[in-house]
Amino acid sequence: MQFGLDKFFGISQEALKIHSRRAEVLAGNLANADTPGYKARDIDFKAALQQIKNGTGDVTLRTTNPNHINSAGTSPGRIDDVLGEMKYRIPSQPSLDGNTVDSLKEKAAFMENALLYQTNLQFLGGKIKHLKAALKGE
């Protein structure tokens, strides 16, 4: 019987990557709260996870030389493929300088994302603990 860690961990490892990238985007929004013309961005977590789950969003490499690396070994719908699709936030009250960052909303989204990241991390930690126990024969 073949055992694959990707199958064991499921989509949780990809979810962690999405949460991590989303934290970077939200932190960037907060850092640019006073930058004129800055447009707040976000990652739609559910849509990104669904794309990975469905295997959509794959990117093919265009080669101009037969010696270039081809995309045959890459897996479709992976995290790097879907995170390029960031959404711009629609401001509830646009500022006069064109900045769309709402600090309160960004902080709330950042905290929610951090809690979801921690929850997912604890879930994966539990799976690893069970795997270690099974390997030890406990």
Foldseek 3Di string as FASTA:
>chain_A
DDDDVCVLLDCLVQLLVLLVVQLVLLVVLLVCVPPQQAWRKGAPSVVLSVLLVVLAQADWDDDPDPPDDGCPPPGGSGNVRRVVDIDTDDAPDADPRNRRRDNVVSVVVSVVSVVVSVVSVVVVVVSVVVVVCVVVVD
